[in-house]
């Protein structure tokens, strides 16, 4: 039996979970999220817990059991507490500014890069003297915030020689030695 799949999901106060036609809807103080669940997997709300069950031990059912339990758990956590990711820009002259939900990057290219964010994501930028600029993203949807972070990182991935680029705060970049001088 799946160790993750068989764990019940606790529903905190202020969060409502409903299941209708294989769609799980989770409402809470931070928003509302929906997730389609494969008909092979059954989701039941029992009091203050959500239980995910599978009909048999076939490979497909086992693989989806833990997946949908984890997705529903992430939704419950997201609407009650939310998710927060912090990105750091490392490099001379790298800057970021936001106007509403539009980010403007200066990353050493000949032009600025603009990125519009969906309304579900709250963004804040910090630029303090003698510190790297920060981008702080907050959302109830874990998948969406992770996808946006990945998209932002593609503008300038952290490189291993000087460590420049966009990285998560606290992420350690494996550094390489440069070319050693001749003979």
Protein backbone atom coordinates (compact mmCIF):
# COMPACT_ATOMS: atom_id res chain seq x y z
CA UNK A 1 0.00 0.00 0.00
CA UNK A 2 1.19 3.50 -0.78
CA UNK A 3 2.65 5.10 2.33
CA UNK A 4 1.77 8.59 1.10
CA UNK A 5 -1.61 7.66 -0.40
CA UNK A 6 -3.04 6.03 2.71
CA UNK A 7 -2.36 9.03 4.98
CA UNK A 8 -5.52 11.08 5.69
CA UNK A 9 -5.37 14.81 4.95
CA UNK A 10 -6.35 17.03 7.88
CA UNK A 11 -8.69 19.89 6.98
CA UNK A 12 -7.81 23.02 9.02
CA UNK A 13 -10.47 25.40 10.33
CA UNK A 14 -11.80 27.77 7.68
CA UNK A 15 -11.15 25.37 4.78
CA UNK A 16 -13.97 23.60 2.91
CA UNK A 17 -13.36 20.56 0.66
CA UNK A 18 -16.03 19.31 -1.76
CA UNK A 19 -15.92 16.46 -4.27
CA UNK A 20 -18.29 16.43 -7.25
CA UNK A 21 -17.94 14.59 -10.59
CA UNK A 22 -14.25 13.71 -10.02
CA UNK A 23 -13.37 17.36 -9.31
CA UNK A 24 -12.03 18.27 -5.88
CA UNK A 25 -12.67 21.90 -4.88
CA UNK A 26 -10.84 23.40 -1.91
CA UNK A 27 -11.90 26.83 -0.58
CA UNK A 28 -10.05 28.73 2.11
CA UNK A 29 -8.97 32.17 3.27
CA UNK A 30 -6.24 32.42 0.58
CA UNK A 31 -8.46 31.44 -2.37
CA UNK A 32 -10.10 28.55 -4.18
CA UNK A 33 -8.40 25.71 -6.07
CA UNK A 34 -9.80 22.89 -8.21
CA UNK A 35 -8.23 19.60 -9.29
CA UNK A 36 -9.59 16.89 -11.58
CA UNK A 37 -9.09 13.40 -10.12
CA UNK A 38 -8.87 10.26 -12.28
CA UNK A 39 -12.05 8.12 -11.97
CA UNK A 40 -9.84 5.20 -10.90
CA UNK A 41 -9.19 7.00 -7.58
CA UNK A 42 -11.97 7.82 -5.10
CA UNK A 43 -11.80 10.86 -2.81
CA UNK A 44 -14.03 11.03 0.28
CA UNK A 45 -14.47 13.74 2.90
CA UNK A 46 -14.89 12.10 6.32
CA UNK A 47 -15.42 14.71 9.03
CA UNK A 48 -12.24 16.80 9.34
CA UNK A 49 -10.22 14.51 7.04
CA UNK A 50 -9.94 13.80 3.33
CA UNK A 51 -9.25 10.15 2.45
CA UNK A 52 -7.95 9.03 -0.96
CA UNK A 53 -8.66 5.39 -1.86
CA UNK A 54 -7.88 3.05 -4.74
CA UNK A 55 -9.92 0.03 -5.85
CA UNK A 56 -7.09 -2.48 -6.42
CA UNK A 57 -3.32 -2.97 -6.43
CA UNK A 58 -2.74 -2.60 -10.17
CA UNK A 59 0.28 -0.53 -11.17
CA UNK A 60 -1.75 2.37 -12.59
CA UNK A 61 -3.93 2.65 -9.48
CA UNK A 62 -0.89 2.52 -7.17
CA UNK A 63 0.92 5.24 -9.12
CA UNK A 64 -2.05 7.62 -9.07
CA UNK A 65 -2.94 6.99 -5.42
CA UNK A 66 -0.01 8.89 -3.91
CA UNK A 67 -0.06 11.50 -6.68
CA UNK A 68 -3.62 12.68 -6.09
CA UNK A 69 -3.22 12.57 -2.31
CA UNK A 70 -0.16 14.84 -2.60
CA UNK A 71 -1.95 17.22 -5.00
CA UNK A 72 -4.97 17.54 -2.69
CA UNK A 73 -2.69 18.03 0.33
CA UNK A 74 -0.84 20.83 -1.51
CA UNK A 75 -4.19 22.48 -2.32
CA UNK A 76 -5.33 22.35 1.33
CA UNK A 77 -1.99 23.78 2.51
CA UNK A 78 -2.10 26.46 -0.20
CA UNK A 79 -5.56 27.84 0.58
CA UNK A 80 -4.90 27.82 4.35
CA UNK A 81 -1.28 29.04 4.60
CA UNK A 82 -0.11 29.74 1.04
CA UNK A 83 3.26 29.22 -0.61
CA UNK A 84 6.14 31.68 -0.77
CA UNK A 85 9.23 31.53 -2.97
CA UNK A 86 12.14 33.98 -2.96
CA UNK A 87 14.44 34.40 -5.96
CA UNK A 88 17.78 36.22 -5.82
CA UNK A 89 19.52 38.02 -8.72
CA UNK A 90 23.30 37.59 -8.51
CA UNK A 91 25.38 39.71 -10.87
CA UNK A 92 26.71 43.22 -11.39
CA UNK A 93 23.95 45.47 -12.76
CA UNK A 94 21.19 42.86 -12.46
CA UNK A 95 17.99 44.61 -11.40
CA UNK A 96 14.30 43.87 -11.10
CA UNK A 97 11.30 46.13 -10.53
CA UNK A 98 7.57 45.52 -10.51
CA UNK A 99 4.59 47.66 -11.38
CA UNK A 100 1.54 45.73 -10.23
CA UNK A 101 1.91 42.21 -11.63
CA UNK A 102 4.43 43.13 -14.33
CA UNK A 103 8.10 42.42 -13.65
CA UNK A 104 10.87 44.32 -15.45
CA UNK A 105 14.30 42.69 -15.49
CA UNK A 106 17.70 44.16 -16.39
CA UNK A 107 19.94 41.10 -16.74
CA UNK A 108 22.87 42.25 -18.83
CA UNK A 109 21.10 41.94 -22.18
CA UNK A 110 20.78 44.87 -24.58
CA UNK A 111 17.08 45.18 -23.70
CA UNK A 112 14.91 44.90 -20.60
CA UNK A 113 12.74 41.79 -20.15
CA UNK A 114 9.09 42.23 -19.16
CA UNK A 115 7.01 39.43 -17.66
CA UNK A 116 3.31 39.60 -16.84
CA UNK A 117 2.23 37.45 -13.90
CA UNK A 118 -1.23 35.93 -13.40
CA UNK A 119 -3.52 37.68 -10.88
CA UNK A 120 -3.35 34.68 -8.47
CA UNK A 121 0.31 35.49 -7.75
CA UNK A 122 1.36 38.38 -5.50
CA UNK A 123 4.82 39.76 -6.22
CA UNK A 124 7.17 42.01 -4.28
CA UNK A 125 10.67 43.15 -5.21
CA UNK A 126 13.40 44.34 -2.85
CA UNK A 127 16.53 46.20 -3.89
CA UNK A 128 18.75 47.22 -0.98
CA UNK A 129 22.20 48.74 -1.21
CA UNK A 130 25.07 46.21 -1.08
CA UNK A 131 22.65 43.27 -1.32
CA UNK A 132 21.36 41.23 -4.24
CA UNK A 133 17.88 42.17 -5.56
CA UNK A 134 15.11 39.81 -4.42
CA UNK A 135 11.82 38.72 -5.98
CA UNK A 136 9.26 37.43 -3.47
CA UNK A 137 6.35 35.47 -4.97
CA UNK A 138 3.29 34.36 -2.98
CA UNK A 139 0.36 32.22 -4.12
CA UNK A 140 -2.07 29.53 -2.99
CA UNK A 141 -1.23 27.34 -6.02
CA UNK A 142 2.04 25.44 -5.56
CA UNK A 143 2.19 24.28 -9.19
CA UNK A 144 1.66 27.78 -10.58
CA UNK A 145 4.25 29.43 -8.35
CA UNK A 146 6.81 26.74 -9.19
CA UNK A 147 6.17 27.14 -12.90
CA UNK A 148 6.61 30.93 -12.69
CA UNK A 149 9.87 30.54 -10.74
CA UNK A 150 11.16 28.12 -13.38
CA UNK A 151 10.24 30.58 -16.16
CA UNK A 152 12.01 33.46 -14.38
CA UNK A 153 15.14 31.31 -13.90
CA UNK A 154 15.31 30.64 -17.66
CA UNK A 155 16.11 34.33 -18.29
CA UNK A 156 19.56 33.84 -16.66
CA UNK A 157 20.33 30.42 -15.18
CA UNK A 158 22.99 30.37 -12.44
CA UNK A 159 26.34 29.58 -14.01
CA UNK A 160 29.04 27.55 -12.21
CA UNK A 161 32.11 29.77 -12.84
CA UNK A 162 31.18 33.14 -11.34
CA UNK A 163 27.85 32.14 -9.76
CA UNK A 164 25.92 34.81 -11.67
CA UNK A 165 22.26 34.38 -12.56
CA UNK A 166 18.84 34.00 -10.95
CA UNK A 167 18.73 31.48 -8.12
CA UNK A 168 16.48 30.57 -5.21
CA UNK A 169 17.43 32.23 -1.94
CA UNK A 170 19.60 29.83 0.02
CA UNK A 171 20.37 27.66 -3.04
CA UNK A 172 23.99 26.57 -3.24
CA UNK A 173 25.56 26.73 -6.70
CA UNK A 174 28.29 24.15 -7.30
CA UNK A 175 31.29 26.16 -8.40
CA UNK A 176 33.92 25.06 -10.92
CA UNK A 177 37.53 26.17 -11.21
CA UNK A 178 38.25 28.22 -14.30
CA UNK A 179 41.00 27.53 -16.82
CA UNK A 180 44.37 27.23 -15.18
CA UNK A 181 47.21 29.23 -16.74
CA UNK A 182 49.46 27.54 -19.30
CA UNK A 183 52.28 25.14 -18.34
